[in-house]
C-alpha cells in the first residue's frame, strides 16, 4: 500500500469519520452513520483504495518521488 492521502484531506477524513461515528453511536442519525468508519480508516492508514483506482494522490511527499 502506497500512501496516497495526505495533509488536509487526511484531517478532514478523520474528523468527518469521527463525527459520523459519534452521531451514529448517540442515535442522532440512523445506522448509516457507521459509514464513518470508512473515512476514519482511510485517514488513519493514509491510503484510499478509490484513489488508487482513479490514479489520484493528495500526499505531497509521494508526488515528489
N, C-alpha and C. Protein backbone atom coordinates (compact mmCIF):
# COMPACT_ATOMS: atom_id res chain seq x y z
N UNK A 1 0.84 -1.18 0.00
CA UNK A 1 0.00 0.00 0.00
C UNK A 1 0.88 1.24 0.00
N UNK A 2 0.75 2.05 -1.03
CA UNK A 2 1.46 3.31 -1.08
C UNK A 2 0.59 4.40 -0.47
N UNK A 3 1.21 5.30 0.25
CA UNK A 3 0.49 6.41 0.86
C UNK A 3 -0.06 7.30 -0.26
N UNK A 4 -1.37 7.57 -0.23
CA UNK A 4 -1.95 8.44 -1.25
C UNK A 4 -2.93 9.46 -0.66
N UNK A 5 -2.99 9.56 0.66
CA UNK A 5 -3.84 10.54 1.33
C UNK A 5 -2.95 11.38 2.24
N UNK A 6 -2.99 12.67 2.07
CA UNK A 6 -2.13 13.50 2.89
C UNK A 6 -2.76 14.83 3.25
N UNK A 7 -2.15 15.51 4.19
CA UNK A 7 -2.50 16.87 4.57
C UNK A 7 -3.93 17.07 5.01
N UNK A 8 -4.54 18.09 4.42
CA UNK A 8 -5.90 18.48 4.79
C UNK A 8 -6.88 17.36 4.49
N UNK A 9 -6.66 16.64 3.41
CA UNK A 9 -7.53 15.51 3.05
C UNK A 9 -7.58 14.50 4.21
N UNK A 10 -6.45 14.20 4.78
CA UNK A 10 -6.37 13.23 5.87
C UNK A 10 -7.10 13.74 7.11
N UNK A 11 -6.88 15.00 7.45
CA UNK A 11 -7.53 15.58 8.63
C UNK A 11 -9.05 15.59 8.46
N UNK A 12 -9.51 15.99 7.28
CA UNK A 12 -10.95 16.01 7.02
C UNK A 12 -11.58 14.63 7.11
N UNK A 13 -10.89 13.63 6.57
CA UNK A 13 -11.40 12.26 6.63
C UNK A 13 -11.55 11.79 8.08
N UNK A 14 -10.55 12.07 8.90
CA UNK A 14 -10.59 11.64 10.29
C UNK A 14 -11.69 12.35 11.05
N UNK A 15 -11.81 13.66 10.87
CA UNK A 15 -12.83 14.43 11.58
C UNK A 15 -14.23 14.00 11.15
N UNK A 16 -14.47 13.91 9.84
CA UNK A 16 -15.79 13.51 9.34
C UNK A 16 -16.13 12.10 9.82
N UNK A 17 -15.16 11.20 9.76
CA UNK A 17 -15.39 9.84 10.22
C UNK A 17 -15.77 9.79 11.69
N UNK A 18 -15.04 10.50 12.53
CA UNK A 18 -15.33 10.52 13.96
C UNK A 18 -16.69 11.14 14.26
N UNK A 19 -17.03 12.22 13.56
CA UNK A 19 -18.33 12.86 13.77
C UNK A 19 -19.47 11.92 13.39
N UNK A 20 -19.34 11.26 12.24
CA UNK A 20 -20.40 10.33 11.82
C UNK A 20 -20.55 9.17 12.81
N UNK A 21 -19.44 8.63 13.27
CA UNK A 21 -19.49 7.52 14.22
C UNK A 21 -20.13 7.98 15.53
N UNK A 22 -19.75 9.17 15.99
CA UNK A 22 -20.32 9.71 17.22
C UNK A 22 -21.82 9.92 17.09
N UNK A 23 -22.24 10.49 15.96
CA UNK A 23 -23.68 10.70 15.74
C UNK A 23 -24.44 9.38 15.67
N UNK A 24 -23.85 8.37 15.06
CA UNK A 24 -24.50 7.06 14.98
C UNK A 24 -24.56 6.40 16.36
N UNK A 25 -23.49 6.54 17.13
CA UNK A 25 -23.44 5.91 18.45
C UNK A 25 -24.44 6.54 19.42
N UNK A 26 -24.71 7.83 19.25
CA UNK A 26 -25.66 8.51 20.14
C UNK A 26 -27.09 8.43 19.63
N UNK A 27 -27.29 7.88 18.46
CA UNK A 27 -28.63 7.72 17.93
C UNK A 27 -29.15 8.97 17.22
N UNK A 28 -28.31 9.96 17.02
CA UNK A 28 -28.72 11.19 16.34
C UNK A 28 -29.04 10.92 14.87
N UNK A 29 -28.26 10.08 14.24
CA UNK A 29 -28.53 9.67 12.87
C UNK A 29 -28.78 8.16 12.88
N UNK A 30 -29.25 7.65 11.79
CA UNK A 30 -29.53 6.22 11.70
C UNK A 30 -28.27 5.38 11.62
N UNK A 31 -28.48 4.12 11.27
CA UNK A 31 -27.37 3.17 11.17
C UNK A 31 -26.35 3.57 10.12
N UNK A 32 -26.78 4.36 9.13
CA UNK A 32 -25.88 4.76 8.05
C UNK A 32 -24.71 5.59 8.56
N UNK A 33 -24.81 6.16 9.74
CA UNK A 33 -23.72 6.94 10.31
C UNK A 33 -22.46 6.12 10.53
N UNK A 34 -22.63 4.81 10.65
CA UNK A 34 -21.46 3.94 10.85
C UNK A 34 -20.57 3.88 9.61
N UNK A 35 -21.04 4.44 8.50
CA UNK A 35 -20.19 4.52 7.30
C UNK A 35 -18.98 5.41 7.58
N UNK A 36 -19.03 6.15 8.67
CA UNK A 36 -17.90 6.99 9.09
C UNK A 36 -16.64 6.19 9.36
N UNK A 37 -16.78 4.90 9.53
CA UNK A 37 -15.61 4.04 9.74
C UNK A 37 -14.70 4.08 8.50
N UNK A 38 -15.29 4.20 7.33
CA UNK A 38 -14.50 4.19 6.09
C UNK A 38 -13.57 5.41 6.00
N UNK A 39 -14.10 6.65 6.10
CA UNK A 39 -13.17 7.77 6.03
C UNK A 39 -12.18 7.81 7.20
N UNK A 40 -12.62 7.34 8.37
CA UNK A 40 -11.72 7.30 9.52
C UNK A 40 -10.53 6.38 9.24
N UNK A 41 -10.78 5.19 8.75
CA UNK A 41 -9.70 4.25 8.47
C UNK A 41 -8.80 4.71 7.32
N UNK A 42 -9.40 5.28 6.28
CA UNK A 42 -8.57 5.76 5.17
C UNK A 42 -7.70 6.92 5.62
N UNK A 43 -8.20 7.73 6.54
CA UNK A 43 -7.40 8.81 7.08
C UNK A 43 -6.28 8.33 7.98
N UNK A 44 -6.59 7.34 8.81
CA UNK A 44 -5.58 6.81 9.74
C UNK A 44 -4.48 6.04 9.01
N UNK A 45 -4.85 5.29 7.98
CA UNK A 45 -3.87 4.49 7.25
C UNK A 45 -3.22 5.25 6.09
N UNK A 46 -3.71 6.46 5.82
CA UNK A 46 -3.18 7.31 4.74
C UNK A 46 -3.28 6.63 3.38
N UNK A 47 -4.26 5.77 3.21
CA UNK A 47 -4.43 5.05 1.96
C UNK A 47 -5.90 4.96 1.61
N UNK A 48 -6.24 5.31 0.38
CA UNK A 48 -7.61 5.21 -0.10
C UNK A 48 -7.62 4.34 -1.35
N UNK A 49 -8.28 3.19 -1.31
CA UNK A 49 -8.32 2.30 -2.47
C UNK A 49 -8.95 2.97 -3.70
N UNK A 50 -9.95 3.81 -3.50
CA UNK A 50 -10.58 4.50 -4.62
C UNK A 50 -9.61 5.45 -5.30
N UNK A 51 -8.78 6.13 -4.51
CA UNK A 51 -7.75 7.00 -5.09
C UNK A 51 -6.80 6.18 -5.97
N UNK A 52 -6.46 4.99 -5.54
CA UNK A 52 -5.57 4.13 -6.33
C UNK A 52 -6.21 3.77 -7.67
N UNK A 53 -7.49 3.44 -7.64
CA UNK A 53 -8.19 3.08 -8.87
C UNK A 53 -8.29 4.27 -9.83
N UNK A 54 -8.45 5.47 -9.27
CA UNK A 54 -8.60 6.67 -10.09
C UNK A 54 -7.27 7.35 -10.41
N UNK A 55 -6.19 6.84 -9.83
CA UNK A 55 -4.87 7.42 -10.07
C UNK A 55 -4.65 8.75 -9.36
N UNK A 56 -5.37 8.97 -8.27
CA UNK A 56 -5.26 10.23 -7.54
C UNK A 56 -4.27 10.10 -6.39
N UNK A 57 -3.75 11.24 -5.94
CA UNK A 57 -2.81 11.27 -4.84
C UNK A 57 -2.81 12.66 -4.24
N UNK A 58 -3.11 12.79 -2.94
CA UNK A 58 -3.10 14.09 -2.27
C UNK A 58 -1.93 14.21 -1.30
N UNK A 59 -1.03 13.27 -1.34
CA UNK A 59 0.12 13.30 -0.46
C UNK A 59 1.28 13.98 -1.17
N UNK A 60 1.72 15.14 -0.70
CA UNK A 60 2.79 15.87 -1.39
C UNK A 60 4.13 15.14 -1.43
N UNK A 61 4.43 14.34 -0.43
CA UNK A 61 5.71 13.61 -0.40
C UNK A 61 5.75 12.56 -1.51
N UNK A 62 4.64 11.92 -1.80
CA UNK A 62 4.61 10.89 -2.84
C UNK A 62 4.66 11.50 -4.24
N UNK A 63 4.20 12.73 -4.39
CA UNK A 63 4.21 13.36 -5.71
C UNK A 63 5.63 13.71 -6.14
N UNK A 64 6.51 13.97 -5.18
CA UNK A 64 7.87 14.38 -5.49
C UNK A 64 8.73 13.22 -5.99
N UNK A 65 8.41 11.99 -5.59
CA UNK A 65 9.27 10.87 -5.98
C UNK A 65 8.95 10.32 -7.34
